[in-house]
PDB file of N, CA and C in Angstrom:
ATOM      1  N   GLN A   1      73.155-211.112-196.384  1.00  0.00           N
ATOM      2  CA  GLN A   1      71.841-211.086-195.771  1.00  0.00           C
ATOM      3  C   GLN A   1      71.026-209.939-196.356  1.00  0.00           C
ATOM      4  N   ARG A   2      69.812-210.230-196.731  1.00  0.00           N
ATOM      5  CA  ARG A   2      68.940-209.241-197.338  1.00  0.00           C
ATOM      6  C   ARG A   2      68.180-208.463-196.263  1.00  0.00           C
ATOM      7  N   ARG A   3      68.123-207.152-196.419  1.00  0.00           N
ATOM      8  CA  ARG A   3      67.400-206.311-195.462  1.00  0.00           C
ATOM      9  C   ARG A   3      65.896-206.426-195.669  1.00  0.00           C
ATOM     10  N   GLN A   4      65.165-206.384-194.561  1.00  0.00           N
ATOM     11  CA  GLN A   4      63.711-206.416-194.631  1.00  0.00           C
ATOM     12  C   GLN A   4      63.151-205.040-194.982  1.00  0.00           C
ATOM     13  N   TRP A   5      63.876-203.979-194.645  1.00  0.00           N
ATOM     14  CA  TRP A   5      63.386-202.606-194.811  1.00  0.00           C
ATOM     15  C   TRP A   5      64.288-201.825-195.749  1.00  0.00           C
ATOM     16  N   VAL A   6      63.679-200.940-196.524  1.00  0.00           N
ATOM     17  CA  VAL A   6      64.437-199.990-197.339  1.00  0.00           C
ATOM     18  C   VAL A   6      65.011-198.938-196.400  1.00  0.00           C
ATOM     19  N   ARG A   7      66.282-198.596-196.587  1.00  0.00           N
ATOM     20  CA  ARG A   7      66.968-197.628-195.738  1.00  0.00           C
ATOM     21  C   ARG A   7      67.377-196.435-196.601  1.00  0.00           C
ATOM     22  N   VAL A   8      67.155-195.220-196.088  1.00  0.00           N
ATOM     23  CA  VAL A   8      67.561-194.012-196.817  1.00  0.00           C
ATOM     24  C   VAL A   8      68.473-193.157-195.945  1.00  0.00           C
ATOM     25  N   ARG A   9      69.459-192.548-196.599  1.00  0.00           N
ATOM     26  CA  ARG A   9      70.351-191.612-195.900  1.00  0.00           C
ATOM     27  C   ARG A   9      69.652-190.254-195.832  1.00  0.00           C
ATOM     28  N   VAL A  10      69.408-189.814-194.604  1.00  0.00           N
ATOM     29  CA  VAL A  10      68.757-188.525-194.399  1.00  0.00           C
ATOM     30  C   VAL A  10      69.031-188.077-192.965  1.00  0.00           C
ATOM     31  N   ALA A  11      69.258-186.796-192.801  1.00  0.00           N
ATOM     32  CA  ALA A  11      69.502-186.239-191.463  1.00  0.00           C
ATOM     33  C   ALA A  11      68.264-185.506-190.982  1.00  0.00           C
ATOM     34  N   VAL A  12      67.668-186.014-189.898  1.00  0.00           N
ATOM     35  CA  VAL A  12      66.561-185.330-189.230  1.00  0.00           C
ATOM     36  C   VAL A  12      66.865-185.303-187.736  1.00  0.00           C
ATOM     37  N   PRO A  13      66.424-184.269-187.030  1.00  0.00           N
ATOM     38  CA  PRO A  13      66.705-184.166-185.592  1.00  0.00           C
ATOM     39  C   PRO A  13      66.042-185.275-184.780  1.00  0.00           C
ATOM     40  N   VAL A  14      66.742-185.704-183.725  1.00  0.00           N
ATOM     41  CA  VAL A  14      66.235-186.739-182.822  1.00  0.00           C
ATOM     42  C   VAL A  14      66.540-186.328-181.386  1.00  0.00           C
ATOM     43  N   GLU A  15      65.520-186.421-180.526  1.00  0.00           N
ATOM     44  CA  GLU A  15      65.714-186.278-179.079  1.00  0.00           C
ATOM     45  C   GLU A  15      65.709-187.691-178.517  1.00  0.00           C
ATOM     46  N   LEU A  16      66.794-188.078-177.862  1.00  0.00           N
ATOM     47  CA  LEU A  16      66.971-189.444-177.388  1.00  0.00           C
ATOM     48  C   LEU A  16      67.086-189.463-175.877  1.00  0.00           C
ATOM     49  N   LYS A  17      66.422-190.443-175.248  1.00  0.00           N
ATOM     50  CA  LYS A  17      66.495-190.607-173.792  1.00  0.00           C
ATOM     51  C   LYS A  17      66.704-192.072-173.478  1.00  0.00           C
ATOM     52  N   GLY A  18      67.594-192.346-172.534  1.00  0.00           N
ATOM     53  CA  GLY A  18      67.787-193.703-172.060  1.00  0.00           C
ATOM     54  C   GLY A  18      66.594-194.133-171.224  1.00  0.00           C
ATOM     55  N   THR A  19      66.167-195.392-171.376  1.00  0.00           N
ATOM     56  CA  THR A  19      65.010-195.876-170.628  1.00  0.00           C
ATOM     57  C   THR A  19      65.392-196.872-169.540  1.00  0.00           C
ATOM     58  N   GLY A  20      66.641-197.288-169.516  1.00  0.00           N
ATOM     59  CA  GLY A  20      67.087-198.258-168.519  1.00  0.00           C
ATOM     60  C   GLY A  20      67.876-197.581-167.420  1.00  0.00           C
ATOM     61  N   THR A  21      69.015-198.173-167.085  1.00  0.00           N
ATOM     62  CA  THR A  21      69.851-197.618-166.020  1.00  0.00           C
ATOM     63  C   THR A  21      70.560-196.351-166.455  1.00  0.00           C
ATOM     64  N   ARG A  22      70.778-196.186-167.752  1.00  0.00           N
ATOM     65  CA  ARG A  22      71.446-194.991-168.274  1.00  0.00           C
ATOM     66  C   ARG A  22      70.376-193.990-168.679  1.00  0.00           C
ATOM     67  N   LYS A  23      70.099-193.026-167.851  1.00  0.00           N
ATOM     68  CA  LYS A  23      69.002-192.073-168.061  1.00  0.00           C
ATOM     69  C   LYS A  23      69.437-190.831-168.832  1.00  0.00           C
ATOM     70  N   ALA A  24      70.487-190.953-169.625  1.00  0.00           N
ATOM     71  CA  ALA A  24      70.984-189.813-170.391  1.00  0.00           C
ATOM     72  C   ALA A  24      69.908-189.291-171.330  1.00  0.00           C
ATOM     73  N   SER A  25      69.993-188.014-171.628  1.00  0.00           N
ATOM     74  CA  SER A  25      69.094-187.355-172.559  1.00  0.00           C
ATOM     75  C   SER A  25      69.954-186.507-173.484  1.00  0.00           C
ATOM     76  N   LEU A  26      69.757-186.638-174.798  1.00  0.00           N
ATOM     77  CA  LEU A  26      70.609-185.880-175.712  1.00  0.00           C
ATOM     78  C   LEU A  26      69.901-185.584-177.016  1.00  0.00           C
ATOM     79  N   SER A  27      70.417-184.584-177.703  1.00  0.00           N
ATOM     80  CA  SER A  27      69.935-184.218-179.034  1.00  0.00           C
ATOM     81  C   SER A  27      70.954-184.702-180.052  1.00  0.00           C
ATOM     82  N   THR A  28      70.486-185.347-181.086  1.00  0.00           N
ATOM     83  CA  THR A  28      71.364-185.851-182.141  1.00  0.00           C
ATOM     84  C   THR A  28      70.586-185.801-183.445  1.00  0.00           C
ATOM     85  N   SER A  29      71.054-186.482-184.476  1.00  0.00           N
ATOM     86  CA  SER A  29      70.323-186.554-185.739  1.00  0.00           C
ATOM     87  C   SER A  29      70.557-187.914-186.380  1.00  0.00           C
ATOM     88  N   THR A  30      69.678-188.252-187.302  1.00  0.00           N
ATOM     89  CA  THR A  30      69.812-189.514-188.008  1.00  0.00           C
ATOM     90  C   THR A  30      70.921-189.421-189.056  1.00  0.00           C
ATOM     91  N   VAL A  31      71.515-190.559-189.341  1.00  0.00           N
ATOM     92  CA  VAL A  31      72.408-190.728-190.495  1.00  0.00           C
ATOM     93  C   VAL A  31      71.594-191.405-191.591  1.00  0.00           C
ATOM     94  N   ASP A  32      70.824-192.418-191.181  1.00  0.00           N
ATOM     95  CA  ASP A  32      69.876-193.064-192.078  1.00  0.00           C
ATOM     96  C   ASP A  32      68.726-193.615-191.252  1.00  0.00           C
ATOM     97  N   ILE A  33      67.661-193.987-191.958  1.00  0.00           N
ATOM     98  CA  ILE A  33      66.458-194.480-191.276  1.00  0.00           C
ATOM     99  C   ILE A  33      65.761-195.485-192.169  1.00  0.00           C
ATOM    100  N   SER A  34      65.084-196.441-191.536  1.00  0.00           N
ATOM    101  CA  SER A  34      64.259-197.425-192.242  1.00  0.00           C
ATOM    102  C   SER A  34      63.041-197.710-191.373  1.00  0.00           C
ATOM    103  N   GLY A  35      62.172-198.572-191.853  1.00  0.00           N
ATOM    104  CA  GLY A  35      61.011-198.963-191.059  1.00  0.00           C
ATOM    105  C   GLY A  35      61.370-199.815-189.858  1.00  0.00           C
ATOM    106  N   GLY A  36      62.605-200.319-189.815  1.00  0.00           N
ATOM    107  CA  GLY A  36      63.020-201.183-188.720  1.00  0.00           C
ATOM    108  C   GLY A  36      63.971-200.558-187.726  1.00  0.00           C
ATOM    109  N   GLY A  37      64.511-199.386-188.066  1.00  0.00           N
ATOM    110  CA  GLY A  37      65.452-198.770-187.150  1.00  0.00           C
ATOM    111  C   GLY A  37      66.102-197.534-187.742  1.00  0.00           C
ATOM    112  N   VAL A  38      67.096-197.048-187.011  1.00  0.00           N
ATOM    113  CA  VAL A  38      67.736-195.784-187.376  1.00  0.00           C
ATOM    114  C   VAL A  38      69.212-195.855-187.018  1.00  0.00           C
ATOM    115  N   ARG A  39      70.024-195.139-187.782  1.00  0.00           N
ATOM    116  CA  ARG A  39      71.419-194.954-187.404  1.00  0.00           C
ATOM    117  C   ARG A  39      71.563-193.494-186.995  1.00  0.00           C
ATOM    118  N   LEU A  40      72.093-193.286-185.797  1.00  0.00           N
ATOM    119  CA  LEU A  40      72.241-191.945-185.237  1.00  0.00           C
ATOM    120  C   LEU A  40      73.686-191.483-185.351  1.00  0.00           C
ATOM    121  N   GLY A  41      73.855-190.178-185.557  1.00  0.00           N
ATOM    122  CA  GLY A  41      75.180-189.602-185.711  1.00  0.00           C
ATOM    123  C   GLY A  41      76.035-189.684-184.459  1.00  0.00           C
ATOM    124  N   ASP A  42      75.443-189.493-183.297  1.00  0.00           N
ATOM    125  CA  ASP A  42      76.199-189.569-182.036  1.00  0.00           C
ATOM    126  C   ASP A  42      75.229-189.862-180.902  1.00  0.00           C
ATOM    127  N   ALA A  43      75.386-191.019-180.294  1.00  0.00           N
ATOM    128  CA  ALA A  43      74.493-191.421-179.207  1.00  0.00           C
ATOM    129  C   ALA A  43      75.240-191.584-177.892  1.00  0.00           C
ATOM    130  N   ARG A  44      76.458-191.026-177.816  1.00  0.00           N
ATOM    131  CA  ARG A  44      77.188-191.117-176.548  1.00  0.00           C
ATOM    132  C   ARG A  44      76.463-190.308-175.487  1.00  0.00           C
ATOM    133  N   PRO A  45      76.331-190.752-174.280  1.00  0.00           N
ATOM    134  CA  PRO A  45      77.045-191.830-173.590  1.00  0.00           C
ATOM    135  C   PRO A  45      76.318-193.170-173.585  1.00  0.00           C
ATOM    136  N   MET A  46      75.353-193.382-174.479  1.00  0.00           N
ATOM    137  CA  MET A  46      74.623-194.646-174.507  1.00  0.00           C
ATOM    138  C   MET A  46      75.569-195.787-174.859  1.00  0.00           C
ATOM    139  N   ARG A  47      75.153-197.011-174.502  1.00  0.00           N
ATOM    140  CA  ARG A  47      75.965-198.210-174.737  1.00  0.00           C
ATOM    141  C   ARG A  47      75.136-199.281-175.440  1.00  0.00           C
ATOM    142  N   ARG A  48      75.827-200.225-176.043  1.00  0.00           N
ATOM    143  CA  ARG A  48      75.187-201.368-176.700  1.00  0.00           C
ATOM    144  C   ARG A  48      74.223-202.048-175.721  1.00  0.00           C
ATOM    145  N   GLY A  49      73.004-202.311-176.194  1.00  0.00           N
ATOM    146  CA  GLY A  49      72.002-202.986-175.378  1.00  0.00           C
ATOM    147  C   GLY A  49      71.078-202.059-174.617  1.00  0.00           C
ATOM    148  N   ASP A  50      71.416-200.770-174.528  1.00  0.00           N
ATOM    149  CA  ASP A  50      70.568-199.822-173.805  1.00  0.00           C
ATOM    150  C   ASP A  50      69.222-199.640-174.513  1.00  0.00           C
ATOM    151  N   GLY A  51      68.161-199.563-173.717  1.00  0.00           N
ATOM    152  CA  GLY A  51      66.857-199.200-174.235  1.00  0.00           C
ATOM    153  C   GLY A  51      66.769-197.687-174.342  1.00  0.00           C
ATOM    154  N   VAL A  52      66.092-197.208-175.378  1.00  0.00           N
ATOM    155  CA  VAL A  52      65.964-195.762-175.582  1.00  0.00           C
ATOM    156  C   VAL A  52      64.552-195.412-176.033  1.00  0.00           C
ATOM    157  N   SER A  53      64.162-194.187-175.751  1.00  0.00           N
ATOM    158  CA  SER A  53      62.967-193.610-176.369  1.00  0.00           C
ATOM    159  C   SER A  53      63.452-192.444-177.211  1.00  0.00           C
ATOM    160  N   MET A  54      62.808-192.252-178.348  1.00  0.00           N
ATOM    161  CA  MET A  54      63.249-191.211-179.280  1.00  0.00           C
ATOM    162  C   MET A  54      62.060-190.441-179.807  1.00  0.00           C
ATOM    163  N   ALA A  55      62.256-189.153-179.988  1.00  0.00           N
ATOM    164  CA  ALA A  55      61.318-188.305-180.718  1.00  0.00           C
ATOM    165  C   ALA A  55      62.030-187.933-182.008  1.00  0.00           C
ATOM    166  N   ILE A  56      61.579-188.506-183.115  1.00  0.00           N
ATOM    167  CA  ILE A  56      62.193-188.264-184.425  1.00  0.00           C
ATOM    168  C   ILE A  56      61.367-187.197-185.132  1.00  0.00           C
ATOM    169  N   GLU A  57      62.026-186.117-185.524  1.00  0.00           N
ATOM    170  CA  GLU A  57      61.327-184.984-186.142  1.00  0.00           C
ATOM    171  C   GLU A  57      61.164-185.192-187.642  1.00  0.00           C
ATOM    172  N   LEU A  58      59.993-185.672-188.034  1.00  0.00           N
ATOM    173  CA  LEU A  58      59.672-185.843-189.442  1.00  0.00           C
ATOM    174  C   LEU A  58      59.005-184.560-189.952  1.00  0.00           C
ATOM    175  N   PRO A  59      58.952-184.363-191.258  1.00  0.00           N
ATOM    176  CA  PRO A  59      58.341-183.138-191.790  1.00  0.00           C
ATOM    177  C   PRO A  59      56.901-182.916-191.328  1.00  0.00           C
ATOM    178  N   ASP A  60      56.164-183.999-191.054  1.00  0.00           N
ATOM    179  CA  ASP A  60      54.765-183.849-190.613  1.00  0.00           C
ATOM    180  C   ASP A  60      54.626-183.841-189.097  1.00  0.00           C
ATOM    181  N   GLY A  61      55.745-183.713-188.385  1.00  0.00           N
ATOM    182  CA  GLY A  61      55.715-183.650-186.927  1.00  0.00           C
ATOM    183  C   GLY A  61      56.538-184.757-186.293  1.00  0.00           C
ATOM    184  N   SER A  62      56.657-184.680-185.002  1.00  0.00           N
ATOM    185  CA  SER A  62      57.471-185.628-184.254  1.00  0.00           C
ATOM    186  C   SER A  62      56.776-186.982-184.141  1.00  0.00           C
ATOM    187  N   VAL A  63      57.568-188.058-184.260  1.00  0.00           N
ATOM    188  CA  VAL A  63      57.044-189.403-184.050  1.00  0.00           C
ATOM    189  C   VAL A  63      57.812-190.011-182.869  1.00  0.00           C
ATOM    190  N   GLU A  64      57.071-190.536-181.898  1.00  0.00           N
ATOM    191  CA  GLU A  64      57.661-191.111-180.687  1.00  0.00           C
ATOM    192  C   GLU A  64      57.842-192.611-180.878  1.00  0.00           C
ATOM    193  N   VAL A  65      59.062-193.093-180.647  1.00  0.00           N
ATOM    194  CA  VAL A  65      59.367-194.514-180.801  1.00  0.00           C
ATOM    195  C   VAL A  65      60.279-194.971-179.671  1.00  0.00           C
ATOM    196  N   THR A  66      60.317-196.272-179.461  1.00  0.00           N
ATOM    197  CA  THR A  66      61.268-196.862-178.527  1.00  0.00           C
ATOM    198  C   THR A  66      62.141-197.832-179.301  1.00  0.00           C
ATOM    199  N   GLY A  67      63.312-198.125-178.739  1.00  0.00           N
ATOM    200  CA  GLY A  67      64.216-199.034-179.418  1.00  0.00           C
ATOM    201  C   GLY A  67      65.335-199.504-178.510  1.00  0.00           C
ATOM    202  N   ARG A  68      66.243-200.251-179.114  1.00  0.00           N
ATOM    203  CA  ARG A  68      67.395-200.782-178.397  1.00  0.00           C
ATOM    204  C   ARG A  68      68.633-200.533-179.238  1.00  0.00           C
ATOM    205  N   ILE A  69      69.698-200.090-178.579  1.00  0.00           N
ATOM    206  CA  ILE A  69      70.959-199.830-179.273  1.00  0.00           C
ATOM    207  C   ILE A  69      71.630-201.161-179.598  1.00  0.00           C
ATOM    208  N   LEU A  70      71.832-201.400-180.900  1.00  0.00           N
ATOM    209  CA  LEU A  70      72.471-202.639-181.345  1.00  0.00           C
ATOM    210  C   LEU A  70      73.987-202.562-181.226  1.00  0.00           C
ATOM    211  N   ASP A  71      74.545-201.410-181.598  1.00  0.00           N
ATOM    212  CA  ASP A  71      75.985-201.206-181.448  1.00  0.00           C
ATOM    213  C   ASP A  71      76.311-199.722-181.579  1.00  0.00           C
ATOM    214  N   ILE A  72      77.483-199.378-181.056  1.00  0.00           N
ATOM    215  CA  ILE A  72      77.965-197.998-181.127  1.00  0.00           C
ATOM    216  C   ILE A  72      79.413-198.033-181.600  1.00  0.00           C
ATOM    217  N   ALA A  73      79.717-197.235-182.618  1.00  0.00           N
ATOM    218  CA  ALA A  73      81.084-197.117-183.130  1.00  0.00           C
ATOM    219  C   ALA A  73      81.894-196.226-182.195  1.00  0.00           C
ATOM    220  N   SER A  74      83.189-196.253-182.359  1.00  0.00           N
ATOM    221  CA  SER A  74      84.063-195.473-181.476  1.00  0.00           C
ATOM    222  C   SER A  74      83.774-193.972-181.536  1.00  0.00           C
ATOM    223  N   GLY A  75      83.263-193.482-182.670  1.00  0.00           N
ATOM    224  CA  GLY A  75      82.923-192.065-182.799  1.00  0.00           C
ATOM    225  C   GLY A  75      81.552-191.712-182.260  1.00  0.00           C
ATOM    226  N   GLY A  76      80.811-192.708-181.768  1.00  0.00           N
ATOM    227  CA  GLY A  76      79.503-192.455-181.185  1.00  0.00           C
ATOM    228  C   GLY A  76      78.336-192.794-182.081  1.00  0.00           C
ATOM    229  N   GLU A  77      78.594-193.065-183.378  1.00  0.00           N
ATOM    230  CA  GLU A  77      77.506-193.418-184.284  1.00  0.00           C
ATOM    231  C   GLU A  77      76.872-194.724-183.815  1.00  0.00           C
ATOM    232  N   ALA A  78      75.537-194.756-183.757  1.00  0.00           N
ATOM    233  CA  ALA A  78      74.836-195.908-183.178  1.00  0.00           C
ATOM    234  C   ALA A  78      73.739-196.424-184.089  1.00  0.00           C
ATOM    235  N   ARG A  79      73.602-197.740-184.121  1.00  0.00           N
ATOM    236  CA  ARG A  79      72.467-198.377-184.795  1.00  0.00           C
ATOM    237  C   ARG A  79      71.430-198.717-183.735  1.00  0.00           C
ATOM    238  N   VAL A  80      70.178-198.305-183.992  1.00  0.00           N
ATOM    239  CA  VAL A  80      69.090-198.539-183.047  1.00  0.00           C
ATOM    240  C   VAL A  80      67.977-199.298-183.762  1.00  0.00           C
ATOM    241  N   LYS A  81      67.551-200.410-183.171  1.00  0.00           N
ATOM    242  CA  LYS A  81      66.430-201.186-183.707  1.00  0.00           C
ATOM    243  C   LYS A  81      65.161-200.743-182.996  1.00  0.00           C
ATOM    244  N   PHE A  82      64.118-200.427-183.784  1.00  0.00           N
ATOM    245  CA  PHE A  82      62.836-200.064-183.187  1.00  0.00           C
ATOM    246  C   PHE A  82      62.240-201.279-182.486  1.00  0.00           C
ATOM    247  N   GLU A  83      61.573-201.039-181.346  1.00  0.00           N
ATOM    248  CA  GLU A  83      60.892-202.092-180.605  1.00  0.00           C
ATOM    249  C   GLU A  83      59.494-201.615-180.242  1.00  0.00           C
ATOM    250  N   GLY A  84      58.520-202.478-180.411  1.00  0.00           N
ATOM    251  CA  GLY A  84      57.153-202.141-180.022  1.00  0.00           C
ATOM    252  C   GLY A  84      56.593-200.960-180.781  1.00  0.00           C
ATOM    253  N   LEU A  85      56.943-200.837-182.041  1.00  0.00           N
ATOM    254  CA  LEU A  85      56.501-199.712-182.860  1.00  0.00           C
ATOM    255  C   LEU A  85      54.993-199.805-183.098  1.00  0.00           C
ATOM    256  N   SER A  86      54.289-198.731-182.804  1.00  0.00           N
ATOM    257  CA  SER A  86      52.844-198.712-183.062  1.00  0.00           C
ATOM    258  C   SER A  86      52.609-198.707-184.573  1.00  0.00           C
ATOM    259  N   GLU A  87      51.427-199.137-184.966  1.00  0.00           N
ATOM    260  CA  GLU A  87      51.103-199.157-186.390  1.00  0.00           C
ATOM    261  C   GLU A  87      51.168-197.756-186.987  1.00  0.00           C
ATOM    262  N   GLY A  88      50.673-196.771-186.231  1.00  0.00           N
ATOM    263  CA  GLY A  88      50.694-195.390-186.720  1.00  0.00           C
ATOM    264  C   GLY A  88      52.105-194.870-186.916  1.00  0.00           C
ATOM    265  N   ALA A  89      52.980-195.121-185.937  1.00  0.00           N
ATOM    266  CA  ALA A  89      54.377-194.675-186.045  1.00  0.00           C
ATOM    267  C   ALA A  89      55.069-195.381-187.206  1.00  0.00           C
ATOM    268  N   SER A  90      54.821-196.676-187.346  1.00  0.00           N
ATOM    269  CA  SER A  90      55.426-197.445-188.433  1.00  0.00           C
ATOM    270  C   SER A  90      55.005-196.885-189.786  1.00  0.00           C
ATOM    271  N   LYS A  91      53.730-196.612-189.955  1.00  0.00           N
ATOM    272  CA  LYS A  91      53.236-196.071-191.224  1.00  0.00           C
ATOM    273  C   LYS A  91      53.868-194.721-191.540  1.00  0.00           C
ATOM    274  N   ARG A  92      53.998-193.864-190.524  1.00  0.00           N
ATOM    275  CA  ARG A  92      54.591-192.537-190.752  1.00  0.00           C
ATOM    276  C   ARG A  92      56.051-192.649-191.159  1.00  0.00           C
ATOM    277  N   ILE A  93      56.798-193.542-190.507  1.00  0.00           N
ATOM    278  CA  ILE A  93      58.217-193.702-190.823  1.00  0.00           C
ATOM    279  C   ILE A  93      58.395-194.299-192.214  1.00  0.00           C
ATOM    280  N   VAL A  94      57.639-195.346-192.521  1.00  0.00           N
ATOM    281  CA  VAL A  94      57.742-195.977-193.843  1.00  0.00           C
ATOM    282  C   VAL A  94      57.350-194.983-194.931  1.00  0.00           C
ATOM    283  N   ARG A  95      56.330-194.169-194.683  1.00  0.00           N
ATOM    284  CA  ARG A  95      55.912-193.157-195.654  1.00  0.00           C
ATOM    285  C   ARG A  95      57.025-192.123-195.867  1.00  0.00           C
ATOM    286  N   PHE A  96      57.660-191.704-194.756  1.00  0.00           N
ATOM    287  CA  PHE A  96      58.767-190.755-194.842  1.00  0.00           C
ATOM    288  C   PHE A  96      59.922-191.350-195.664  1.00  0.00           C
ATOM    289  N   VAL A  97      60.274-192.599-195.396  1.00  0.00           N
ATOM    290  CA  VAL A  97      61.350-193.269-196.144  1.00  0.00           C
ATOM    291  C   VAL A  97      61.004-193.309-197.630  1.00  0.00           C
ATOM    292  N   PHE A  98      59.773-193.676-197.943  1.00  0.00           N
ATOM    293  CA  PHE A  98      59.326-193.715-199.330  1.00  0.00           C
ATOM    294  C   PHE A  98      59.446-192.332-199.978  1.00  0.00           C
ATOM    295  N   ASP A  99      58.992-191.295-199.274  1.00  0.00           N
ATOM    296  CA  ASP A  99      59.046-189.932-199.810  1.00  0.00           C
ATOM    297  C   ASP A  99      60.483-189.493-200.080  1.00  0.00           C
ATOM    298  N   VAL A 100      61.400-189.787-199.134  1.00  0.00           N
ATOM    299  CA  VAL A 100      62.807-189.413-199.318  1.00  0.00           C
ATOM    300  C   VAL A 100      63.388-190.161-200.512  1.00  0.00           C
ATOM    301  N   GLN A 101      63.089-191.440-200.596  1.00  0.00           N
ATOM    302  CA  GLN A 101      63.595-192.250-201.710  1.00  0.00           C
ATOM    303  C   GLN A 101      63.070-191.726-203.041  1.00  0.00           C
ATOM    304  N   ARG A 102      61.788-191.424-203.102  1.00  0.00           N
ATOM    305  CA  ARG A 102      61.176-190.895-204.322  1.00  0.00           C
ATOM    306  C   ARG A 102      61.793-189.552-204.703  1.00  0.00           C
ATOM    307  N   ASP A 103      61.912-188.655-203.711  1.00  0.00           N
ATOM    308  CA  ASP A 103      62.453-187.326-203.985  1.00  0.00           C
ATOM    309  C   ASP A 103      63.921-187.373-204.377  1.00  0.00           C
ATOM    310  N   SER A 104      64.696-188.260-203.770  1.00  0.00           N
ATOM    311  CA  SER A 104      66.121-188.343-204.124  1.00  0.00           C
ATOM    312  C   SER A 104      66.280-188.900-205.529  1.00  0.00           C
ATOM    313  N   GLY A 105      65.363-189.765-205.948  1.00  0.00           N
ATOM    314  CA  GLY A 105      65.404-190.285-207.313  1.00  0.00           C
ATOM    315  C   GLY A 105      65.142-189.199-208.331  1.00  0.00           C
ATOM    316  N   ARG A 106      64.245-188.312-208.001  1.00  0.00           N
ATOM    317  CA  ARG A 106      63.926-187.206-208.909  1.00  0.00           C
ATOM    318  C   ARG A 106      65.083-186.236-209.027  1.00  0.00           C
ATOM    319  N   THR A 107      65.719-185.925-207.895  1.00  0.00           N
ATOM    320  CA  THR A 107      66.798-184.940-207.941  1.00  0.00           C
ATOM    321  C   THR A 107      68.091-185.542-208.470  1.00  0.00           C
ATOM    322  N   ALA A 108      68.219-186.850-208.403  1.00  0.00           N
ATOM    323  CA  ALA A 108      69.449-187.488-208.871  1.00  0.00           C
ATOM    324  C   ALA A 108      69.402-187.794-210.360  1.00  0.00           C
ATOM    325  N   GLY A 109      68.293-187.439-211.026  1.00  0.00           N
ATOM    326  CA  GLY A 109      68.199-187.684-212.455  1.00  0.00           C
ATOM    327  C   GLY A 109      68.132-189.167-212.772  1.00  0.00           C
ATOM    328  N   SER A 110      67.408-189.914-211.973  1.00  0.00           N
ATOM    329  CA  SER A 110      67.352-191.363-212.138  1.00  0.00           C
ATOM    330  C   SER A 110      66.314-191.803-213.167  1.00  0.00           C
ATOM    331  N   GLY A 111      65.685-190.850-213.832  1.00  0.00           N
ATOM    332  CA  GLY A 111      64.667-191.220-214.791  1.00  0.00           C
ATOM    333  C   GLY A 111      63.293-191.353-214.169  1.00  0.00           C
ATOM    334  N   VAL A 112      63.134-190.848-212.952  1.00  0.00           N
ATOM    335  CA  VAL A 112      61.855-190.908-212.271  1.00  0.00           C
ATOM    336  C   VAL A 112      61.331-189.494-212.128  1.00  0.00           C
ATOM    337  N   GLY A 113      60.061-189.302-212.375  1.00  0.00           N
ATOM    338  CA  GLY A 113      59.469-187.985-212.183  1.00  0.00           C
ATOM    339  C   GLY A 113      59.215-187.276-213.487  1.00  0.00           C
ATOM    340  N   PRO A 114      58.547-186.138-213.405  1.00  0.00           N
ATOM    341  CA  PRO A 114      58.109-185.442-214.618  1.00  0.00           C
ATOM    342  C   PRO A 114      59.256-184.960-215.482  1.00  0.00           C
ATOM    343  N   GLU A 115      60.415-184.644-214.909  1.00  0.00           N
ATOM    344  CA  GLU A 115      61.524-184.146-215.714  1.00  0.00           C
ATOM    345  C   GLU A 115      62.191-185.234-216.539  1.00  0.00           C
ATOM    346  N   SER A 116      61.764-186.491-216.365  1.00  0.00           N
ATOM    347  CA  SER A 116      62.393-187.592-217.092  1.00  0.00           C
ATOM    348  C   SER A 116      61.657-187.969-218.366  1.00  0.00           C
ATOM    349  N   LYS A 117      60.616-187.220-218.725  1.00  0.00           N
ATOM    350  CA  LYS A 117      59.846-187.542-219.934  1.00  0.00           C
ATOM    351  C   LYS A 117      60.738-187.446-221.158  1.00  0.00           C
ATOM    352  N   THR A 118      60.599-188.413-222.031  1.00  0.00           N
ATOM    353  CA  THR A 118      61.381-188.407-223.259  1.00  0.00           C
ATOM    354  C   THR A 118      60.440-188.310-224.442  1.00  0.00           C
ATOM    355  N   ALA A 119      60.881-187.680-225.521  1.00  0.00           N
ATOM    356  CA  ALA A 119      60.072-187.556-226.729  1.00  0.00           C
ATOM    357  C   ALA A 119      60.013-188.911-227.416  1.00  0.00           C
ATOM    358  N   ARG A 120      58.840-189.250-227.960  1.00  0.00           N
ATOM    359  CA  ARG A 120      58.701-190.540-228.670  1.00  0.00           C
ATOM    360  C   ARG A 120      58.368-190.300-230.103  1.00  0.00           C
TER     361      ARG A 120
END
C-alpha cells in the first residue's frame, strides 16, 4: 500500500491529552511525522481508539492538532492519525516535513544542496 504522505524520522516534543474517557495528560516526543499523522515514542496510558489533542512543538512554534490512536506497541510507541486538521496546521506540518527532508538530504550527502556542485 502506498502512503499518501511523506513521513520523516524526527524527534520533537509533544504534549498529549486524552479527549475521551481517558483524560491522561503526558509529555512525549515524535518518532516520525507526516501530514497525516505522527508516531509517538510513548503514549501510555492511552489505548487504541482513544481521541487525543496534541501540541506539537515545531521550530516556528507549537501547532495544536487532534487525532485518534490507531495502535500502541507493547513499549508504548503509538501511531496517531490526525483528525479535523485545520488548513493552517496542515500547511505548517507539511512544511516542517519538507524542511526536515530537505535538510536531511543535504547532511546525508545525497547530492542535494550547494555542497553537491560538481565541476563540469
